[in-house]
């Protein structure tokens, strides 16, 4: 692994994993290093790039090996907190909450059902281009299928909390709903949040962001406890 210092409390980590082609696996491998670099501070993964290669057919000289290389920026400190941690908007009226909360709960249930049931076209249709980077259905499906290979089958999922924001700084004006959740899979646990966005709460919400942390069942107790404390609303 290579560690490059970009500035005060900012780093660029580069890792290559053999036997893997999905960047999520490489990002999970970086988490213990990020914890060590940031110490008592929280950390956030920022911009990244990756390249992957499939295993080439074996030859007389050597067998081909699949690999993925991830270049990931990491920032330590509270100033790097994700958008879901921004100051909440003033409370919505009871009427607003009665109308919007079931809407967001329904969207969240449908999205996760589509993920769990491998209905890739349905889950992709609920996302925004900002979230997927304009990924095609084939790209989205390949990512989801590779993730399923790593995680195994879904076991359970629980919504931890919902938080509403109205026109936070540095993003398009509108209404944002953050949904924190935890989930258990056959081989890993997951915690994260979804961000649903609508310009006015009337135009249909789309999923504009998903941040997640994977906790492999093989993590040592100290690393797992530190990750749970920093990244998981409940787990």
C-alpha atoms as a PDB file:
ATOM      1  CA  UNK A   1       0.000   0.000   0.000  1.00  0.00           C
ATOM      2  CA  UNK A   2       1.197   3.520  -0.826  1.00  0.00           C
ATOM      3  CA  UNK A   3       0.404   6.503   1.427  1.00  0.00           C
ATOM      4  CA  UNK A   4       0.805  10.058   0.087  1.00  0.00           C
ATOM      5  CA  UNK A   5       0.281  13.136   2.269  1.00  0.00           C
ATOM      6  CA  UNK A   6      -1.796  15.767   0.439  1.00  0.00           C
ATOM      7  CA  UNK A   7      -1.948  18.340   3.223  1.00  0.00           C
ATOM      8  CA  UNK A   8      -3.016  18.763   6.824  1.00  0.00           C
ATOM      9  CA  UNK A   9      -5.046  15.678   7.736  1.00  0.00           C
ATOM     10  CA  UNK A  10      -5.434  14.672   4.077  1.00  0.00           C
ATOM     11  CA  UNK A  11      -3.976  11.601   2.382  1.00  0.00           C
ATOM     12  CA  UNK A  12      -4.065   9.639  -0.844  1.00  0.00           C
ATOM     13  CA  UNK A  13      -3.979   5.861  -0.438  1.00  0.00           C
ATOM     14  CA  UNK A  14      -3.221   3.422  -3.242  1.00  0.00           C
ATOM     15  CA  UNK A  15      -3.789  -0.301  -2.899  1.00  0.00           C
ATOM     16  CA  UNK A  16      -3.824  -3.227  -5.316  1.00  0.00           C
ATOM     17  CA  UNK A  17      -5.677  -6.436  -4.470  1.00  0.00           C
ATOM     18  CA  UNK A  18      -5.118  -9.624  -6.392  1.00  0.00           C
ATOM     19  CA  UNK A  19      -8.034 -11.947  -6.837  1.00  0.00           C
ATOM     20  CA  UNK A  20     -10.510  -9.030  -6.779  1.00  0.00           C
ATOM     21  CA  UNK A  21     -11.999  -6.809  -9.501  1.00  0.00           C
ATOM     22  CA  UNK A  22     -14.469  -4.693  -7.483  1.00  0.00           C
ATOM     23  CA  UNK A  23     -13.355  -1.328  -5.991  1.00  0.00           C
ATOM     24  CA  UNK A  24     -15.523  -1.872  -2.915  1.00  0.00           C
ATOM     25  CA  UNK A  25     -13.217  -4.671  -1.826  1.00  0.00           C
ATOM     26  CA  UNK A  26     -10.190  -2.379  -2.144  1.00  0.00           C
ATOM     27  CA  UNK A  27     -11.926   0.407  -0.230  1.00  0.00           C
ATOM     28  CA  UNK A  28     -12.732  -2.007   2.604  1.00  0.00           C
ATOM     29  CA  UNK A  29      -9.042  -2.960   2.714  1.00  0.00           C
ATOM     30  CA  UNK A  30      -8.130   0.723   3.219  1.00  0.00           C
ATOM     31  CA  UNK A  31     -10.319   1.228   6.295  1.00  0.00           C
ATOM     32  CA  UNK A  32      -7.821  -0.025   8.925  1.00  0.00           C
ATOM     33  CA  UNK A  33      -5.138   2.258   7.429  1.00  0.00           C
ATOM     34  CA  UNK A  34      -7.497   5.251   7.481  1.00  0.00           C
ATOM     35  CA  UNK A  35      -8.324   4.512  11.117  1.00  0.00           C
ATOM     36  CA  UNK A  36      -4.624   4.385  11.977  1.00  0.00           C
ATOM     37  CA  UNK A  37      -3.786   7.615  10.115  1.00  0.00           C
ATOM     38  CA  UNK A  38      -6.649   9.616  11.608  1.00  0.00           C
ATOM     39  CA  UNK A  39      -6.339   8.293  15.153  1.00  0.00           C
ATOM     40  CA  UNK A  40      -9.091   9.751  17.328  1.00  0.00           C
ATOM     41  CA  UNK A  41     -10.445  11.844  14.444  1.00  0.00           C
ATOM     42  CA  UNK A  42     -13.212  10.664  12.152  1.00  0.00           C
ATOM     43  CA  UNK A  43     -12.405  10.181   8.483  1.00  0.00           C
ATOM     44  CA  UNK A  44     -14.217  10.403   5.166  1.00  0.00           C
ATOM     45  CA  UNK A  45     -13.354   8.791   1.847  1.00  0.00           C
ATOM     46  CA  UNK A  46     -13.398  11.437  -0.908  1.00  0.00           C
ATOM     47  CA  UNK A  47     -12.528  11.327  -4.601  1.00  0.00           C
ATOM     48  CA  UNK A  48     -11.217   8.065  -5.962  1.00  0.00           C
ATOM     49  CA  UNK A  49     -10.231   6.299  -9.154  1.00  0.00           C
ATOM     50  CA  UNK A  50      -9.750   2.633  -9.867  1.00  0.00           C
ATOM     51  CA  UNK A  51      -8.721   0.170 -12.523  1.00  0.00           C
ATOM     52  CA  UNK A  52      -9.448  -3.530 -12.612  1.00  0.00           C
ATOM     53  CA  UNK A  53      -8.365  -6.443 -14.733  1.00  0.00           C
ATOM     54  CA  UNK A  54      -9.939  -9.818 -15.250  1.00  0.00           C
ATOM     55  CA  UNK A  55      -7.893 -12.974 -14.927  1.00  0.00           C
ATOM     56  CA  UNK A  56      -6.176 -13.811 -18.198  1.00  0.00           C
ATOM     57  CA  UNK A  57      -6.151 -17.410 -19.411  1.00  0.00           C
ATOM     58  CA  UNK A  58      -3.336 -19.418 -17.903  1.00  0.00           C
ATOM     59  CA  UNK A  59      -0.268 -19.875 -20.066  1.00  0.00           C
ATOM     60  CA  UNK A  60       2.785 -22.048 -19.862  1.00  0.00           C
ATOM     61  CA  UNK A  61       4.625 -19.214 -18.140  1.00  0.00           C
ATOM     62  CA  UNK A  62       2.131 -18.016 -15.533  1.00  0.00           C
ATOM     63  CA  UNK A  63      -1.518 -18.070 -14.619  1.00  0.00           C
ATOM     64  CA  UNK A  64      -3.502 -14.877 -15.085  1.00  0.00           C
ATOM     65  CA  UNK A  65      -4.642 -13.157 -11.887  1.00  0.00           C
ATOM     66  CA  UNK A  66      -7.565 -10.736 -11.578  1.00  0.00           C
ATOM     67  CA  UNK A  67      -6.794  -7.543  -9.677  1.00  0.00           C
ATOM     68  CA  UNK A  68      -8.119  -4.103  -8.775  1.00  0.00           C
ATOM     69  CA  UNK A  69      -6.098  -0.957  -7.995  1.00  0.00           C
ATOM     70  CA  UNK A  70      -7.810   1.841  -6.061  1.00  0.00           C
ATOM     71  CA  UNK A  71      -6.507   5.380  -5.550  1.00  0.00           C
ATOM     72  CA  UNK A  72      -8.546   6.900  -2.701  1.00  0.00           C
ATOM     73  CA  UNK A  73      -8.412  10.339  -1.050  1.00  0.00           C
ATOM     74  CA  UNK A  74      -8.966  10.326   2.723  1.00  0.00           C
ATOM     75  CA  UNK A  75      -9.620  13.352   4.940  1.00  0.00           C
ATOM     76  CA  UNK A  76      -9.468  13.268   8.739  1.00  0.00           C
ATOM     77  CA  UNK A  77     -11.468  15.490  11.068  1.00  0.00           C
ATOM     78  CA  UNK A  78     -14.989  16.689  11.712  1.00  0.00           C
ATOM     79  CA  UNK A  79     -14.787  19.229   8.875  1.00  0.00           C
ATOM     80  CA  UNK A  80     -14.956  16.308   6.464  1.00  0.00           C
ATOM     81  CA  UNK A  81     -18.296  15.001   7.785  1.00  0.00           C
ATOM     82  CA  UNK A  82     -20.655  13.759   5.052  1.00  0.00           C
ATOM     83  CA  UNK A  83     -23.622  15.721   3.857  1.00  0.00           C
ATOM     84  CA  UNK A  84     -25.975  13.697   6.049  1.00  0.00           C
ATOM     85  CA  UNK A  85     -24.289  15.229   9.105  1.00  0.00           C
ATOM     86  CA  UNK A  86     -24.978  18.852   8.082  1.00  0.00           C
ATOM     87  CA  UNK A  87     -27.121  21.024  10.358  1.00  0.00           C
ATOM     88  CA  UNK A  88     -30.721  19.837  10.061  1.00  0.00           C
ATOM     89  CA  UNK A  89     -33.342  22.120   8.549  1.00  0.00           C
ATOM     90  CA  UNK A  90     -36.021  23.645  10.765  1.00  0.00           C
ATOM     91  CA  UNK A  91     -38.653  21.080  11.714  1.00  0.00           C
ATOM     92  CA  UNK A  92     -41.248  20.303   9.068  1.00  0.00           C
ATOM     93  CA  UNK A  93     -44.880  20.738   9.990  1.00  0.00           C
ATOM     94  CA  UNK A  94     -46.853  17.745  11.208  1.00  0.00           C
ATOM     95  CA  UNK A  95     -48.777  17.830   7.946  1.00  0.00           C
ATOM     96  CA  UNK A  96     -45.523  17.729   5.959  1.00  0.00           C
ATOM     97  CA  UNK A  97     -44.222  14.806   7.994  1.00  0.00           C
ATOM     98  CA  UNK A  98     -47.479  12.871   7.672  1.00  0.00           C
ATOM     99  CA  UNK A  99     -47.263  13.222   3.896  1.00  0.00           C
ATOM    100  CA  UNK A 100     -43.512  12.805   3.315  1.00  0.00           C
ATOM    101  CA  UNK A 101     -42.407  10.178   5.847  1.00  0.00           C
ATOM    102  CA  UNK A 102     -44.478   7.320   4.376  1.00  0.00           C
ATOM    103  CA  UNK A 103     -43.299   8.408   0.931  1.00  0.00           C
ATOM    104  CA  UNK A 104     -39.616   8.136   1.890  1.00  0.00           C
ATOM    105  CA  UNK A 105     -40.181   4.887   3.786  1.00  0.00           C
ATOM    106  CA  UNK A 106     -41.890   3.399   0.743  1.00  0.00           C
ATOM    107  CA  UNK A 107     -39.117   4.491  -1.604  1.00  0.00           C
ATOM    108  CA  UNK A 108     -36.472   3.094   0.747  1.00  0.00           C
ATOM    109  CA  UNK A 109     -38.294  -0.234   1.039  1.00  0.00           C
ATOM    110  CA  UNK A 110     -38.691  -0.510  -2.734  1.00  0.00           C
ATOM    111  CA  UNK A 111     -35.048   0.352  -3.383  1.00  0.00           C
ATOM    112  CA  UNK A 112     -33.699  -2.185  -0.912  1.00  0.00           C
ATOM    113  CA  UNK A 113     -36.164  -4.834  -2.118  1.00  0.00           C
ATOM    114  CA  UNK A 114     -34.888  -4.322  -5.644  1.00  0.00           C
ATOM    115  CA  UNK A 115     -31.292  -4.617  -4.400  1.00  0.00           C
ATOM    116  CA  UNK A 116     -32.026  -7.755  -2.365  1.00  0.00           C
ATOM    117  CA  UNK A 117     -33.958  -9.404  -5.203  1.00  0.00           C
ATOM    118  CA  UNK A 118     -31.361  -8.488  -7.867  1.00  0.00           C
ATOM    119  CA  UNK A 119     -33.884  -6.436  -9.855  1.00  0.00           C
ATOM    120  CA  UNK A 120     -31.149  -4.209 -11.231  1.00  0.00           C
ATOM    121  CA  UNK A 121     -33.271  -2.221 -13.676  1.00  0.00           C
ATOM    122  CA  UNK A 122     -35.715  -1.314 -10.894  1.00  0.00           C
ATOM    123  CA  UNK A 123     -33.020  -0.170  -8.445  1.00  0.00           C
ATOM    124  CA  UNK A 124     -31.170   1.839 -11.103  1.00  0.00           C
ATOM    125  CA  UNK A 125     -34.400   3.577 -12.128  1.00  0.00           C
ATOM    126  CA  UNK A 126     -34.706   5.063  -8.625  1.00  0.00           C
ATOM    127  CA  UNK A 127     -31.265   6.713  -8.698  1.00  0.00           C
ATOM    128  CA  UNK A 128     -30.042  10.003 -10.116  1.00  0.00           C
ATOM    129  CA  UNK A 129     -27.241  10.379 -12.637  1.00  0.00           C
ATOM    130  CA  UNK A 130     -25.285  12.283  -9.961  1.00  0.00           C
ATOM    131  CA  UNK A 131     -25.220   9.141  -7.837  1.00  0.00           C
ATOM    132  CA  UNK A 132     -24.354   6.625 -10.548  1.00  0.00           C
ATOM    133  CA  UNK A 133     -22.113   8.818 -12.709  1.00  0.00           C
ATOM    134  CA  UNK A 134     -24.302   7.957 -15.676  1.00  0.00           C
ATOM    135  CA  UNK A 135     -23.688   4.207 -15.348  1.00  0.00           C
ATOM    136  CA  UNK A 136     -25.462   2.014 -17.870  1.00  0.00           C
ATOM    137  CA  UNK A 137     -27.740  -0.799 -16.761  1.00  0.00           C
ATOM    138  CA  UNK A 138     -24.991  -3.257 -17.692  1.00  0.00           C
ATOM    139  CA  UNK A 139     -22.463  -1.383 -15.515  1.00  0.00           C
ATOM    140  CA  UNK A 140     -24.895  -1.097 -12.612  1.00  0.00           C
ATOM    141  CA  UNK A 141     -25.843  -4.765 -12.861  1.00  0.00           C
ATOM    142  CA  UNK A 142     -22.219  -5.875 -12.950  1.00  0.00           C
ATOM    143  CA  UNK A 143     -21.441  -3.844  -9.821  1.00  0.00           C
ATOM    144  CA  UNK A 144     -24.423  -5.249  -7.938  1.00  0.00           C
ATOM    145  CA  UNK A 145     -23.667  -8.817  -8.963  1.00  0.00           C
ATOM    146  CA  UNK A 146     -20.032  -8.536  -7.921  1.00  0.00           C
ATOM    147  CA  UNK A 147     -21.083  -7.091  -4.582  1.00  0.00           C
ATOM    148  CA  UNK A 148     -23.446 -10.021  -4.059  1.00  0.00           C
ATOM    149  CA  UNK A 149     -20.576 -12.438  -4.635  1.00  0.00           C
ATOM    150  CA  UNK A 150     -18.682 -10.668  -1.842  1.00  0.00           C
ATOM    151  CA  UNK A 151     -21.522 -10.268   0.648  1.00  0.00           C
ATOM    152  CA  UNK A 152     -23.553 -13.406   0.080  1.00  0.00           C
ATOM    153  CA  UNK A 153     -27.320 -13.409   0.528  1.00  0.00           C
ATOM    154  CA  UNK A 154     -29.191 -10.736   2.523  1.00  0.00           C
ATOM    155  CA  UNK A 155     -30.168 -11.605   6.103  1.00  0.00           C
ATOM    156  CA  UNK A 156     -31.764  -8.497   7.670  1.00  0.00           C
ATOM    157  CA  UNK A 157     -31.964  -4.711   7.424  1.00  0.00           C
ATOM    158  CA  UNK A 158     -33.119  -2.036   9.888  1.00  0.00           C
ATOM    159  CA  UNK A 159     -33.771   1.684   9.452  1.00  0.00           C
ATOM    160  CA  UNK A 160     -32.043   3.608  12.234  1.00  0.00           C
ATOM    161  CA  UNK A 161     -33.307   7.168  11.698  1.00  0.00           C
ATOM    162  CA  UNK A 162     -34.555   9.717   9.194  1.00  0.00           C
ATOM    163  CA  UNK A 163     -33.305  13.310   9.016  1.00  0.00           C
ATOM    164  CA  UNK A 164     -34.704  16.105   6.849  1.00  0.00           C
ATOM    165  CA  UNK A 165     -32.735  18.996   5.304  1.00  0.00           C
ATOM    166  CA  UNK A 166     -33.970  21.981   3.343  1.00  0.00           C
ATOM    167  CA  UNK A 167     -31.534  23.452   0.798  1.00  0.00           C
ATOM    168  CA  UNK A 168     -28.226  22.713   2.588  1.00  0.00           C
ATOM    169  CA  UNK A 169     -25.131  24.529   1.350  1.00  0.00           C
ATOM    170  CA  UNK A 170     -23.247  23.528  -1.805  1.00  0.00           C
ATOM    171  CA  UNK A 171     -25.980  21.320  -3.282  1.00  0.00           C
ATOM    172  CA  UNK A 172     -29.014  22.032  -5.491  1.00  0.00           C
ATOM    173  CA  UNK A 173     -31.818  23.739  -3.637  1.00  0.00           C
ATOM    174  CA  UNK A 174     -34.597  21.487  -2.440  1.00  0.00           C
ATOM    175  CA  UNK A 175     -35.704  18.948   0.138  1.00  0.00           C
ATOM    176  CA  UNK A 176     -33.351  16.144   1.234  1.00  0.00           C
ATOM    177  CA  UNK A 177     -34.196  13.104   3.341  1.00  0.00           C
ATOM    178  CA  UNK A 178     -31.317  11.151   4.898  1.00  0.00           C
ATOM    179  CA  UNK A 179     -32.093   7.564   5.884  1.00  0.00           C
ATOM    180  CA  UNK A 180     -29.528   5.814   8.109  1.00  0.00           C
ATOM    181  CA  UNK A 181     -29.660   2.033   8.087  1.00  0.00           C
ATOM    182  CA  UNK A 182     -27.809  -1.135   9.048  1.00  0.00           C
ATOM    183  CA  UNK A 183     -27.944  -4.505   7.330  1.00  0.00           C
ATOM    184  CA  UNK A 184     -26.611  -8.007   7.760  1.00  0.00           C
ATOM    185  CA  UNK A 185     -25.487 -10.234   4.904  1.00  0.00           C
ATOM    186  CA  UNK A 186     -24.235 -13.784   4.784  1.00  0.00           C
ATOM    187  CA  UNK A 187     -20.549 -12.785   4.902  1.00  0.00           C
ATOM    188  CA  UNK A 188     -20.532  -9.086   5.854  1.00  0.00           C
ATOM    189  CA  UNK A 189     -22.417  -6.449   7.820  1.00  0.00           C
ATOM    190  CA  UNK A 190     -23.260  -3.069   6.318  1.00  0.00           C
ATOM    191  CA  UNK A 191     -24.122   0.346   7.678  1.00  0.00           C
ATOM    192  CA  UNK A 192     -24.718   3.548   5.767  1.00  0.00           C
ATOM    193  CA  UNK A 193     -27.242   6.092   4.634  1.00  0.00           C
ATOM    194  CA  UNK A 194     -29.347   7.053   1.634  1.00  0.00           C
ATOM    195  CA  UNK A 195     -30.064  10.610   0.516  1.00  0.00           C
ATOM    196  CA  UNK A 196     -33.381  11.163  -1.273  1.00  0.00           C
ATOM    197  CA  UNK A 197     -33.884  14.476  -3.088  1.00  0.00           C
ATOM    198  CA  UNK A 198     -36.819  16.411  -4.474  1.00  0.00           C
ATOM    199  CA  UNK A 199     -36.765  20.075  -5.566  1.00  0.00           C
ATOM    200  CA  UNK A 200     -40.002  20.755  -3.702  1.00  0.00           C
ATOM    201  CA  UNK A 201     -41.321  17.581  -2.092  1.00  0.00           C
ATOM    202  CA  UNK A 202     -43.904  17.253  -4.855  1.00  0.00           C
ATOM    203  CA  UNK A 203     -41.692  16.336  -7.786  1.00  0.00           C
ATOM    204  CA  UNK A 204     -40.824  12.659  -7.200  1.00  0.00           C
ATOM    205  CA  UNK A 205     -37.800  11.970  -4.992  1.00  0.00           C
ATOM    206  CA  UNK A 206     -34.745  10.315  -6.513  1.00  0.00           C
ATOM    207  CA  UNK A 207     -31.841   8.642  -4.767  1.00  0.00           C
ATOM    208  CA  UNK A 208     -28.988  11.102  -5.103  1.00  0.00           C
ATOM    209  CA  UNK A 209     -26.420   9.508  -2.784  1.00  0.00           C
ATOM    210  CA  UNK A 210     -25.632   6.306  -0.943  1.00  0.00           C
ATOM    211  CA  UNK A 211     -22.706   6.008   1.453  1.00  0.00           C
ATOM    212  CA  UNK A 212     -21.951   2.678   3.052  1.00  0.00           C
ATOM    213  CA  UNK A 213     -19.366   0.915   5.167  1.00  0.00           C
ATOM    214  CA  UNK A 214     -18.743  -2.823   5.021  1.00  0.00           C
ATOM    215  CA  UNK A 215     -17.725  -4.746   8.123  1.00  0.00           C
ATOM    216  CA  UNK A 216     -16.327  -8.090   7.115  1.00  0.00           C
ATOM    217  CA  UNK A 217     -17.140 -10.890   9.530  1.00  0.00           C
ATOM    218  CA  UNK A 218     -13.410 -11.605   9.695  1.00  0.00           C
ATOM    219  CA  UNK A 219     -12.440  -8.183  11.109  1.00  0.00           C
ATOM    220  CA  UNK A 220     -10.583  -8.236  14.399  1.00  0.00           C
ATOM    221  CA  UNK A 221     -12.601  -7.022  17.399  1.00  0.00           C
ATOM    222  CA  UNK A 222     -10.703  -3.737  17.833  1.00  0.00           C
ATOM    223  CA  UNK A 223     -11.073  -2.622  14.210  1.00  0.00           C
ATOM    224  CA  UNK A 224     -14.702  -3.681  14.083  1.00  0.00           C
ATOM    225  CA  UNK A 225     -15.568  -1.802  17.286  1.00  0.00           C
ATOM    226  CA  UNK A 226     -13.850   1.371  16.045  1.00  0.00           C
ATOM    227  CA  UNK A 227     -15.654   1.240  12.692  1.00  0.00           C
ATOM    228  CA  UNK A 228     -19.014   0.583  14.333  1.00  0.00           C
ATOM    229  CA  UNK A 229     -18.575   3.571  16.645  1.00  0.00           C
ATOM    230  CA  UNK A 230     -17.663   5.960  13.836  1.00  0.00           C
ATOM    231  CA  UNK A 231     -19.830   4.890  10.959  1.00  0.00           C
ATOM    232  CA  UNK A 232     -22.852   2.972  12.182  1.00  0.00           C
ATOM    233  CA  UNK A 233     -25.940   4.648  13.605  1.00  0.00           C
ATOM    234  CA  UNK A 234     -26.874   1.287  15.139  1.00  0.00           C
ATOM    235  CA  UNK A 235     -25.221  -2.117  14.835  1.00  0.00           C
END
